[in-house]
Amino acid sequence: MATITAADVNKLRTLTGAGMMDCKKALVEADGDFELAIENLRKKGQKVAANRSDRESTEGAAIAVVNADKTQGVVITLNCETDFVGKNEGFVKLATDLANLALNYNSKDEFLAADFNGITVSEKLIEQTGVIGEKIEIGTFEKLEGAFVGSYIHAGNKIATLVALSANVNGAEEAARNVAMQAAAMNPIALNEEGVDSAIIEKEIEIAKDQLRQEGKPEAMLDNIAKGKIQRFYKDNTLVNQDYIKDGQMNVAGYVKSVDANLTVTGFKRAALG
């Protein structure tokens, strides 16, 4: 029987993030074999993950990061079950580390299969499920590329956004952050009119017509009046057409052009918990 020291336990805790007693028990069961102890802890995680597979993981941390030259960004959510865990400093650090790794991959599946300190991201999530005792999973995974990409994370890590601009001009970083803040606060459904699903527009037109009929408007007038209501829908729900939250005298497209006459918003991504 191997002698398990406090240093051994601390080493395993550092490697896995598991609790002290769990680490000690795993080392005893593995007769001091660290790899076997880690495997046993992961098996515990797999068991817990299975037992909690039907639980909702709507809390956690939303993280947005961009690469060094500001041409690519990723936004992810690391989901858990309780706000208490989601606010934990170690949990937020793990989410940030995972987001930085995610920058190197183009799909969620590739990312989950990627190496994270000797194990895959999927295995790390299973391990942490066992350590924390809550269902842990990657929710949102979104990439964005552009001439200049900026990010914003709302206080408390509940919402994270990315915004791409058409050029890296003087003032682009502040502009991208401000527009990303707009996207976080106002939750647009699309960048512009072209990005709105036609089914949504058809539904909005029918709703508008029904309202107008109830108001007693003549049937012959409904199409023209409904078109006006759709323009209002675009203004409220598409990013570039929304009133700019820091200056209601202009829309977001106008704000960006105030930074540079040729500057436009080319894309955005938004991730929110709940």
C-alpha atoms as a PDB file:
ATOM      1  CA  MET A   1       0.000   0.000   0.000  1.00  0.00           C
ATOM      2  CA  ALA A   2       1.499   3.313  -1.097  1.00  0.00           C
ATOM      3  CA  THR A   3       1.849   6.140   1.396  1.00  0.00           C
ATOM      4  CA  ILE A   4      -0.385   9.059   0.395  1.00  0.00           C
ATOM      5  CA  THR A   5       1.058  12.385   1.498  1.00  0.00           C
ATOM      6  CA  ALA A   6      -0.563  15.797   1.773  1.00  0.00           C
ATOM      7  CA  ALA A   7       1.677  16.911  -1.102  1.00  0.00           C
ATOM      8  CA  ASP A   8       0.267  14.101  -3.258  1.00  0.00           C
ATOM      9  CA  VAL A   9      -3.269  15.174  -2.459  1.00  0.00           C
ATOM     10  CA  ASN A  10      -2.494  18.813  -3.246  1.00  0.00           C
ATOM     11  CA  LYS A  11      -0.858  17.819  -6.523  1.00  0.00           C
ATOM     12  CA  LEU A  12      -3.950  15.883  -7.592  1.00  0.00           C
ATOM     13  CA  ARG A  13      -6.162  18.793  -6.558  1.00  0.00           C
ATOM     14  CA  THR A  14      -4.067  21.102  -8.757  1.00  0.00           C
ATOM     15  CA  LEU A  15      -4.283  18.707 -11.682  1.00  0.00           C
ATOM     16  CA  THR A  16      -8.025  18.097 -11.457  1.00  0.00           C
ATOM     17  CA  GLY A  17      -9.668  20.807  -9.367  1.00  0.00           C
ATOM     18  CA  ALA A  18     -11.378  18.083  -7.312  1.00  0.00           C
ATOM     19  CA  GLY A  19     -12.007  18.379  -3.581  1.00  0.00           C
ATOM     20  CA  MET A  20      -9.369  17.351  -1.042  1.00  0.00           C
ATOM     21  CA  MET A  21     -11.230  14.323   0.312  1.00  0.00           C
ATOM     22  CA  ASP A  22     -12.158  13.155  -3.196  1.00  0.00           C
ATOM     23  CA  CYS A  23      -8.505  13.385  -4.228  1.00  0.00           C
ATOM     24  CA  LYS A  24      -7.308  11.520  -1.158  1.00  0.00           C
ATOM     25  CA  LYS A  25      -9.857   8.754  -1.699  1.00  0.00           C
ATOM     26  CA  ALA A  26      -8.979   8.471  -5.385  1.00  0.00           C
ATOM     27  CA  LEU A  27      -5.252   8.172  -4.599  1.00  0.00           C
ATOM     28  CA  VAL A  28      -5.874   5.539  -1.937  1.00  0.00           C
ATOM     29  CA  GLU A  29      -8.046   3.511  -4.322  1.00  0.00           C
ATOM     30  CA  ALA A  30      -5.380   3.847  -7.030  1.00  0.00           C
ATOM     31  CA  ASP A  31      -2.558   2.952  -4.630  1.00  0.00           C
ATOM     32  CA  GLY A  32      -0.800   6.233  -5.368  1.00  0.00           C
ATOM     33  CA  ASP A  33      -1.042   5.969  -9.172  1.00  0.00           C
ATOM     34  CA  PHE A  34      -1.874   9.522 -10.319  1.00  0.00           C
ATOM     35  CA  GLU A  35      -3.099   8.559 -13.783  1.00  0.00           C
ATOM     36  CA  LEU A  36      -5.396   5.916 -12.342  1.00  0.00           C
ATOM     37  CA  ALA A  37      -6.587   8.365  -9.668  1.00  0.00           C
ATOM     38  CA  ILE A  38      -7.421  10.940 -12.345  1.00  0.00           C
ATOM     39  CA  GLU A  39      -9.224   8.257 -14.343  1.00  0.00           C
ATOM     40  CA  ASN A  40     -11.237   7.305 -11.257  1.00  0.00           C
ATOM     41  CA  LEU A  41     -12.192  10.945 -10.720  1.00  0.00           C
ATOM     42  CA  ARG A  42     -13.298  11.201 -14.340  1.00  0.00           C
ATOM     43  CA  LYS A  43     -15.359   8.058 -13.929  1.00  0.00           C
ATOM     44  CA  LYS A  44     -17.026   9.732 -10.999  1.00  0.00           C
ATOM     45  CA  GLY A  45     -17.676  12.705 -13.245  1.00  0.00           C
ATOM     46  CA  GLN A  46     -19.199  10.490 -15.914  1.00  0.00           C
ATOM     47  CA  LYS A  47     -21.511   8.943 -13.359  1.00  0.00           C
ATOM     48  CA  VAL A  48     -22.606  12.316 -12.048  1.00  0.00           C
ATOM     49  CA  ALA A  49     -23.057  13.639 -15.584  1.00  0.00           C
ATOM     50  CA  ALA A  50     -25.341  10.720 -16.408  1.00  0.00           C
ATOM     51  CA  ASN A  51     -27.346  11.178 -13.226  1.00  0.00           C
ATOM     52  CA  ARG A  52     -27.825  14.891 -13.971  1.00  0.00           C
ATOM     53  CA  SER A  53     -28.379  14.637 -17.728  1.00  0.00           C
ATOM     54  CA  ASP A  54     -32.001  15.770 -17.399  1.00  0.00           C
ATOM     55  CA  ARG A  55     -31.147  18.868 -15.359  1.00  0.00           C
ATOM     56  CA  GLU A  56     -31.215  22.304 -16.953  1.00  0.00           C
ATOM     57  CA  SER A  57     -27.923  24.182 -17.067  1.00  0.00           C
ATOM     58  CA  THR A  58     -29.115  27.747 -17.604  1.00  0.00           C
ATOM     59  CA  GLU A  59     -26.597  29.518 -15.378  1.00  0.00           C
ATOM     60  CA  GLY A  60     -22.871  29.874 -15.979  1.00  0.00           C
ATOM     61  CA  ALA A  61     -20.574  32.326 -17.743  1.00  0.00           C
ATOM     62  CA  ALA A  62     -20.770  33.930 -21.179  1.00  0.00           C
ATOM     63  CA  ILE A  63     -17.330  34.847 -22.533  1.00  0.00           C
ATOM     64  CA  ALA A  64     -16.235  36.660 -25.710  1.00  0.00           C
ATOM     65  CA  VAL A  65     -12.580  36.864 -26.783  1.00  0.00           C
ATOM     66  CA  VAL A  66     -10.763  38.082 -29.903  1.00  0.00           C
ATOM     67  CA  ASN A  67      -7.421  37.143 -31.407  1.00  0.00           C
ATOM     68  CA  ALA A  68      -4.318  39.334 -31.256  1.00  0.00           C
ATOM     69  CA  ASP A  69      -4.853  41.116 -34.573  1.00  0.00           C
ATOM     70  CA  LYS A  70      -8.587  41.681 -33.891  1.00  0.00           C
ATOM     71  CA  THR A  71      -9.746  39.901 -37.038  1.00  0.00           C
ATOM     72  CA  GLN A  72     -11.489  36.944 -35.411  1.00  0.00           C
ATOM     73  CA  GLY A  73     -13.477  36.343 -32.266  1.00  0.00           C
ATOM     74  CA  VAL A  74     -15.401  33.627 -30.481  1.00  0.00           C
ATOM     75  CA  VAL A  75     -18.221  33.761 -27.973  1.00  0.00           C
ATOM     76  CA  ILE A  76     -19.113  30.770 -25.805  1.00  0.00           C
ATOM     77  CA  THR A  77     -21.215  29.987 -22.788  1.00  0.00           C
ATOM     78  CA  LEU A  78     -20.018  27.536 -20.162  1.00  0.00           C
ATOM     79  CA  ASN A  79     -23.279  26.448 -18.597  1.00  0.00           C
ATOM     80  CA  CYS A  80     -23.994  25.103 -15.131  1.00  0.00           C
ATOM     81  CA  GLU A  81     -27.094  24.718 -12.968  1.00  0.00           C
ATOM     82  CA  THR A  82     -26.771  27.391 -10.280  1.00  0.00           C
ATOM     83  CA  ASP A  83     -25.838  31.052 -10.138  1.00  0.00           C
ATOM     84  CA  PHE A  84     -23.571  30.279  -7.173  1.00  0.00           C
ATOM     85  CA  VAL A  85     -21.314  28.100  -9.326  1.00  0.00           C
ATOM     86  CA  GLY A  86     -21.560  30.432 -12.324  1.00  0.00           C
ATOM     87  CA  LYS A  87     -20.157  33.328 -10.292  1.00  0.00           C
ATOM     88  CA  ASN A  88     -17.271  31.291  -8.872  1.00  0.00           C
ATOM     89  CA  GLU A  89     -13.886  32.748  -9.822  1.00  0.00           C
ATOM     90  CA  GLY A  90     -12.496  29.348 -10.794  1.00  0.00           C
ATOM     91  CA  PHE A  91     -15.504  28.617 -12.983  1.00  0.00           C
ATOM     92  CA  VAL A  92     -15.198  31.958 -14.799  1.00  0.00           C
ATOM     93  CA  LYS A  93     -11.458  31.347 -15.299  1.00  0.00           C
ATOM     94  CA  LEU A  94     -12.198  27.917 -16.787  1.00  0.00           C
ATOM     95  CA  ALA A  95     -14.760  29.500 -19.130  1.00  0.00           C
ATOM     96  CA  THR A  96     -12.202  32.113 -20.206  1.00  0.00           C
ATOM     97  CA  ASP A  97      -9.489  29.503 -20.757  1.00  0.00           C
ATOM     98  CA  LEU A  98     -11.908  27.462 -22.850  1.00  0.00           C
ATOM     99  CA  ALA A  99     -12.914  30.513 -24.889  1.00  0.00           C
ATOM    100  CA  ASN A 100      -9.278  31.288 -25.677  1.00  0.00           C
ATOM    101  CA  LEU A 101      -8.824  27.700 -26.829  1.00  0.00           C
ATOM    102  CA  ALA A 102     -12.020  27.913 -28.891  1.00  0.00           C
ATOM    103  CA  LEU A 103     -10.471  30.674 -31.008  1.00  0.00           C
ATOM    104  CA  ASN A 104      -8.464  27.951 -32.768  1.00  0.00           C
ATOM    105  CA  TYR A 105     -11.497  25.931 -33.935  1.00  0.00           C
ATOM    106  CA  ASN A 106     -14.289  26.511 -36.413  1.00  0.00           C
ATOM    107  CA  SER A 107     -17.045  24.342 -34.982  1.00  0.00           C
ATOM    108  CA  LYS A 108     -18.360  23.265 -31.612  1.00  0.00           C
ATOM    109  CA  ASP A 109     -17.639  19.599 -32.375  1.00  0.00           C
ATOM    110  CA  GLU A 110     -13.995  20.353 -33.249  1.00  0.00           C
ATOM    111  CA  PHE A 111     -13.660  22.391 -30.096  1.00  0.00           C
ATOM    112  CA  LEU A 112     -15.134  19.700 -27.837  1.00  0.00           C
ATOM    113  CA  ALA A 113     -12.643  17.192 -29.277  1.00  0.00           C
ATOM    114  CA  ALA A 114      -9.681  19.563 -28.812  1.00  0.00           C
ATOM    115  CA  ASP A 115      -6.884  18.946 -26.332  1.00  0.00           C
ATOM    116  CA  PHE A 116      -7.180  20.800 -23.025  1.00  0.00           C
ATOM    117  CA  ASN A 117      -4.174  20.107 -20.787  1.00  0.00           C
ATOM    118  CA  GLY A 118      -3.909  16.463 -21.807  1.00  0.00           C
ATOM    119  CA  ILE A 119      -7.613  15.626 -22.041  1.00  0.00           C
ATOM    120  CA  THR A 120     -10.314  16.676 -24.466  1.00  0.00           C
ATOM    121  CA  VAL A 121     -12.621  19.582 -23.722  1.00  0.00           C
ATOM    122  CA  SER A 122     -15.497  17.086 -23.474  1.00  0.00           C
ATOM    123  CA  GLU A 123     -13.570  15.066 -20.903  1.00  0.00           C
ATOM    124  CA  LYS A 124     -12.777  18.230 -18.952  1.00  0.00           C
ATOM    125  CA  LEU A 125     -16.473  19.076 -18.781  1.00  0.00           C
ATOM    126  CA  ILE A 126     -17.254  15.574 -17.513  1.00  0.00           C
ATOM    127  CA  GLU A 127     -14.453  15.861 -14.972  1.00  0.00           C
ATOM    128  CA  GLN A 128     -15.774  19.195 -13.719  1.00  0.00           C
ATOM    129  CA  THR A 129     -19.291  17.782 -13.501  1.00  0.00           C
ATOM    130  CA  GLY A 130     -17.898  15.270 -11.038  1.00  0.00           C
ATOM    131  CA  VAL A 131     -15.876  17.890  -9.159  1.00  0.00           C
ATOM    132  CA  ILE A 132     -18.629  20.491  -8.887  1.00  0.00           C
ATOM    133  CA  GLY A 133     -21.614  18.162  -8.721  1.00  0.00           C
ATOM    134  CA  GLU A 134     -23.574  20.068 -11.363  1.00  0.00           C
ATOM    135  CA  LYS A 135     -24.213  19.506 -15.045  1.00  0.00           C
ATOM    136  CA  ILE A 136     -21.484  21.431 -16.929  1.00  0.00           C
ATOM    137  CA  GLU A 137     -21.654  21.907 -20.696  1.00  0.00           C
ATOM    138  CA  ILE A 138     -20.804  24.238 -23.558  1.00  0.00           C
ATOM    139  CA  GLY A 139     -23.963  26.003 -24.661  1.00  0.00           C
ATOM    140  CA  THR A 140     -23.302  28.647 -27.287  1.00  0.00           C
ATOM    141  CA  PHE A 141     -20.292  28.440 -29.609  1.00  0.00           C
ATOM    142  CA  GLU A 142     -20.132  31.200 -32.238  1.00  0.00           C
ATOM    143  CA  LYS A 143     -17.231  32.455 -34.369  1.00  0.00           C
ATOM    144  CA  LEU A 144     -17.007  35.823 -36.131  1.00  0.00           C
ATOM    145  CA  GLU A 145     -14.457  37.177 -38.593  1.00  0.00           C
ATOM    146  CA  GLY A 146     -13.999  40.666 -39.999  1.00  0.00           C
ATOM    147  CA  ALA A 147     -11.605  43.466 -40.817  1.00  0.00           C
ATOM    148  CA  PHE A 148     -11.908  44.467 -37.152  1.00  0.00           C
ATOM    149  CA  VAL A 149     -13.638  42.453 -34.428  1.00  0.00           C
ATOM    150  CA  GLY A 150     -14.443  43.816 -30.989  1.00  0.00           C
ATOM    151  CA  SER A 151     -16.081  42.266 -27.935  1.00  0.00           C
ATOM    152  CA  TYR A 152     -18.120  43.107 -24.859  1.00  0.00           C
ATOM    153  CA  ILE A 153     -18.971  41.078 -21.751  1.00  0.00           C
ATOM    154  CA  HIS A 154     -21.812  42.383 -19.609  1.00  0.00           C
ATOM    155  CA  ALA A 155     -21.228  42.628 -15.866  1.00  0.00           C
ATOM    156  CA  GLY A 156     -21.671  39.250 -14.217  1.00  0.00           C
ATOM    157  CA  ASN A 157     -20.827  37.328 -17.403  1.00  0.00           C
ATOM    158  CA  LYS A 158     -24.496  36.839 -18.288  1.00  0.00           C
ATOM    159  CA  ILE A 159     -24.254  38.237 -21.835  1.00  0.00           C
ATOM    160  CA  ALA A 160     -21.294  38.387 -24.232  1.00  0.00           C
ATOM    161  CA  THR A 161     -21.172  39.838 -27.739  1.00  0.00           C
ATOM    162  CA  LEU A 162     -18.892  40.216 -30.743  1.00  0.00           C
ATOM    163  CA  VAL A 163     -19.130  42.866 -33.464  1.00  0.00           C
ATOM    164  CA  ALA A 164     -17.270  42.995 -36.783  1.00  0.00           C
ATOM    165  CA  LEU A 165     -16.544  46.265 -38.585  1.00  0.00           C
ATOM    166  CA  SER A 166     -15.635  46.780 -42.234  1.00  0.00           C
ATOM    167  CA  ALA A 167     -12.212  48.340 -41.548  1.00  0.00           C
ATOM    168  CA  ASN A 168      -9.591  48.816 -38.844  1.00  0.00           C
ATOM    169  CA  VAL A 169      -9.755  52.607 -38.729  1.00  0.00           C
ATOM    170  CA  ASN A 170      -8.865  55.089 -36.020  1.00  0.00           C
ATOM    171  CA  GLY A 171     -11.498  54.651 -33.317  1.00  0.00           C
ATOM    172  CA  ALA A 172     -12.535  51.159 -34.456  1.00  0.00           C
ATOM    173  CA  GLU A 173     -11.910  49.543 -31.080  1.00  0.00           C
ATOM    174  CA  GLU A 174     -14.172  51.940 -29.178  1.00  0.00           C
ATOM    175  CA  ALA A 175     -16.798  51.803 -31.922  1.00  0.00           C
ATOM    176  CA  ALA A 176     -16.840  48.000 -31.968  1.00  0.00           C
ATOM    177  CA  ARG A 177     -17.159  47.860 -28.189  1.00  0.00           C
ATOM    178  CA  ASN A 178     -19.990  50.389 -28.194  1.00  0.00           C
ATOM    179  CA  VAL A 179     -21.907  48.499 -30.872  1.00  0.00           C
ATOM    180  CA  ALA A 180     -21.241  45.219 -29.058  1.00  0.00           C
ATOM    181  CA  MET A 181     -22.693  46.837 -25.929  1.00  0.00           C
ATOM    182  CA  GLN A 182     -25.727  47.853 -28.001  1.00  0.00           C
ATOM    183  CA  ALA A 183     -26.190  44.260 -29.167  1.00  0.00           C
ATOM    184  CA  ALA A 184     -25.951  43.031 -25.580  1.00  0.00           C
ATOM    185  CA  ALA A 185     -28.532  45.521 -24.309  1.00  0.00           C
ATOM    186  CA  MET A 186     -31.031  45.544 -27.192  1.00  0.00           C
ATOM    187  CA  ASN A 187     -30.848  41.919 -28.390  1.00  0.00           C
ATOM    188  CA  PRO A 188     -31.376  42.460 -32.134  1.00  0.00           C
ATOM    189  CA  ILE A 189     -32.579  39.475 -34.145  1.00  0.00           C
ATOM    190  CA  ALA A 190     -30.448  40.316 -37.198  1.00  0.00           C
ATOM    191  CA  LEU A 191     -27.811  42.712 -38.501  1.00  0.00           C
ATOM    192  CA  ASN A 192     -30.106  44.383 -41.050  1.00  0.00           C
ATOM    193  CA  GLU A 193     -33.291  43.843 -43.071  1.00  0.00           C
ATOM    194  CA  GLU A 194     -31.683  41.200 -45.281  1.00  0.00           C
ATOM    195  CA  GLY A 195     -30.843  39.092 -42.254  1.00  0.00           C
ATOM    196  CA  VAL A 196     -34.428  38.716 -41.018  1.00  0.00           C
ATOM    197  CA  ASP A 197     -36.040  35.382 -41.860  1.00  0.00           C
ATOM    198  CA  SER A 198     -38.872  35.829 -44.366  1.00  0.00           C
ATOM    199  CA  ALA A 199     -41.149  33.682 -42.196  1.00  0.00           C
ATOM    200  CA  ILE A 200     -40.785  36.206 -39.374  1.00  0.00           C
ATOM    201  CA  ILE A 201     -41.724  39.065 -41.695  1.00  0.00           C
ATOM    202  CA  GLU A 202     -44.756  37.188 -43.029  1.00  0.00           C
ATOM    203  CA  LYS A 203     -45.904  36.559 -39.474  1.00  0.00           C
ATOM    204  CA  GLU A 204     -45.410  40.219 -38.506  1.00  0.00           C
ATOM    205  CA  ILE A 205     -47.385  41.352 -41.563  1.00  0.00           C
ATOM    206  CA  GLU A 206     -50.304  39.090 -40.657  1.00  0.00           C
ATOM    207  CA  ILE A 207     -50.240  40.327 -37.050  1.00  0.00           C
ATOM    208  CA  ALA A 208     -50.212  43.937 -38.262  1.00  0.00           C
ATOM    209  CA  LYS A 209     -53.113  43.300 -40.640  1.00  0.00           C
ATOM    210  CA  ASP A 210     -55.175  41.626 -37.916  1.00  0.00           C
ATOM    211  CA  GLN A 211     -54.591  44.618 -35.632  1.00  0.00           C
ATOM    212  CA  LEU A 212     -55.603  47.021 -38.405  1.00  0.00           C
ATOM    213  CA  ARG A 213     -58.784  45.054 -39.131  1.00  0.00           C
ATOM    214  CA  GLN A 214     -59.713  45.261 -35.468  1.00  0.00           C
ATOM    215  CA  GLU A 215     -59.203  49.015 -35.692  1.00  0.00           C
ATOM    216  CA  GLY A 216     -61.671  49.099 -38.587  1.00  0.00           C
ATOM    217  CA  LYS A 217     -59.209  50.010 -41.349  1.00  0.00           C
ATOM    218  CA  PRO A 218     -60.407  49.295 -44.924  1.00  0.00           C
ATOM    219  CA  GLU A 219     -59.016  46.070 -46.419  1.00  0.00           C
ATOM    220  CA  ALA A 220     -57.597  47.967 -49.405  1.00  0.00           C
ATOM    221  CA  MET A 221     -55.351  49.991 -47.085  1.00  0.00           C
ATOM    222  CA  LEU A 222     -53.963  47.102 -45.065  1.00  0.00           C
ATOM    223  CA  ASP A 223     -50.945  46.250 -47.232  1.00  0.00           C
ATOM    224  CA  ASN A 224     -49.556  49.796 -47.286  1.00  0.00           C
ATOM    225  CA  ILE A 225     -50.110  50.385 -43.572  1.00  0.00           C
ATOM    226  CA  ALA A 226     -48.628  46.983 -42.718  1.00  0.00           C
ATOM    227  CA  LYS A 227     -45.495  47.836 -44.709  1.00  0.00           C
ATOM    228  CA  GLY A 228     -45.025  50.884 -42.503  1.00  0.00           C
ATOM    229  CA  LYS A 229     -45.308  48.715 -39.406  1.00  0.00           C
ATOM    230  CA  ILE A 230     -42.663  46.375 -40.846  1.00  0.00           C
ATOM    231  CA  GLN A 231     -40.291  49.314 -41.227  1.00  0.00           C
ATOM    232  CA  ARG A 232     -40.828  49.996 -37.531  1.00  0.00           C
ATOM    233  CA  PHE A 233     -40.134  46.323 -36.825  1.00  0.00           C
ATOM    234  CA  TYR A 234     -36.793  46.618 -38.661  1.00  0.00           C
ATOM    235  CA  LYS A 235     -35.950  49.756 -36.684  1.00  0.00           C
ATOM    236  CA  ASP A 236     -36.598  48.021 -33.375  1.00  0.00           C
ATOM    237  CA  ASN A 237     -35.093  44.623 -34.157  1.00  0.00           C
ATOM    238  CA  THR A 238     -32.141  44.946 -36.548  1.00  0.00           C
ATOM    239  CA  LEU A 239     -28.831  46.129 -35.137  1.00  0.00           C
ATOM    240  CA  VAL A 240     -27.820  48.788 -37.659  1.00  0.00           C
ATOM    241  CA  ASN A 241     -31.316  50.324 -37.701  1.00  0.00           C
ATOM    242  CA  GLN A 242     -31.820  50.491 -33.930  1.00  0.00           C
ATOM    243  CA  ASP A 243     -31.585  53.847 -32.174  1.00  0.00           C
ATOM    244  CA  TYR A 244     -28.078  54.103 -30.774  1.00  0.00           C
ATOM    245  CA  ILE A 245     -28.393  53.710 -27.000  1.00  0.00           C
ATOM    246  CA  LYS A 246     -25.810  56.415 -26.243  1.00  0.00           C
ATOM    247  CA  ASP A 247     -27.379  58.962 -28.598  1.00  0.00           C
ATOM    248  CA  GLY A 248     -31.005  58.521 -29.605  1.00  0.00           C
ATOM    249  CA  GLN A 249     -30.631  61.152 -32.336  1.00  0.00           C
ATOM    250  CA  MET A 250     -28.926  58.603 -34.600  1.00  0.00           C
ATOM    251  CA  ASN A 251     -29.170  54.902 -35.362  1.00  0.00           C
ATOM    252  CA  VAL A 252     -26.287  52.448 -35.005  1.00  0.00           C
ATOM    253  CA  ALA A 253     -25.316  52.740 -38.675  1.00  0.00           C
ATOM    254  CA  GLY A 254     -25.167  56.510 -38.273  1.00  0.00           C
ATOM    255  CA  TYR A 255     -23.036  56.240 -35.152  1.00  0.00           C
ATOM    256  CA  VAL A 256     -20.515  54.029 -36.936  1.00  0.00           C
ATOM    257  CA  LYS A 257     -20.341  56.469 -39.856  1.00  0.00           C
ATOM    258  CA  SER A 258     -19.675  59.283 -37.380  1.00  0.00           C
ATOM    259  CA  VAL A 259     -16.460  57.434 -36.508  1.00  0.00           C
ATOM    260  CA  ASP A 260     -15.504  57.041 -40.181  1.00  0.00           C
ATOM    261  CA  ALA A 261     -17.652  57.920 -43.184  1.00  0.00           C
ATOM    262  CA  ASN A 262     -16.967  54.576 -44.874  1.00  0.00           C
ATOM    263  CA  LEU A 263     -17.253  52.370 -41.800  1.00  0.00           C
ATOM    264  CA  THR A 264     -20.055  49.793 -41.529  1.00  0.00           C
ATOM    265  CA  VAL A 265     -21.042  46.955 -39.212  1.00  0.00           C
ATOM    266  CA  THR A 266     -20.582  43.650 -41.049  1.00  0.00           C
ATOM    267  CA  GLY A 267     -21.673  41.144 -38.417  1.00  0.00           C
ATOM    268  CA  PHE A 268     -22.368  40.349 -34.779  1.00  0.00           C
ATOM    269  CA  LYS A 269     -22.781  37.390 -32.451  1.00  0.00           C
ATOM    270  CA  ARG A 270     -24.547  37.377 -29.104  1.00  0.00           C
ATOM    271  CA  ALA A 271     -24.658  34.771 -26.334  1.00  0.00           C
ATOM    272  CA  ALA A 272     -26.853  35.007 -23.247  1.00  0.00           C
ATOM    273  CA  LEU A 273     -27.585  32.710 -20.339  1.00  0.00           C
ATOM    274  CA  GLY A 274     -31.046  31.609 -19.341  1.00  0.00           C
END
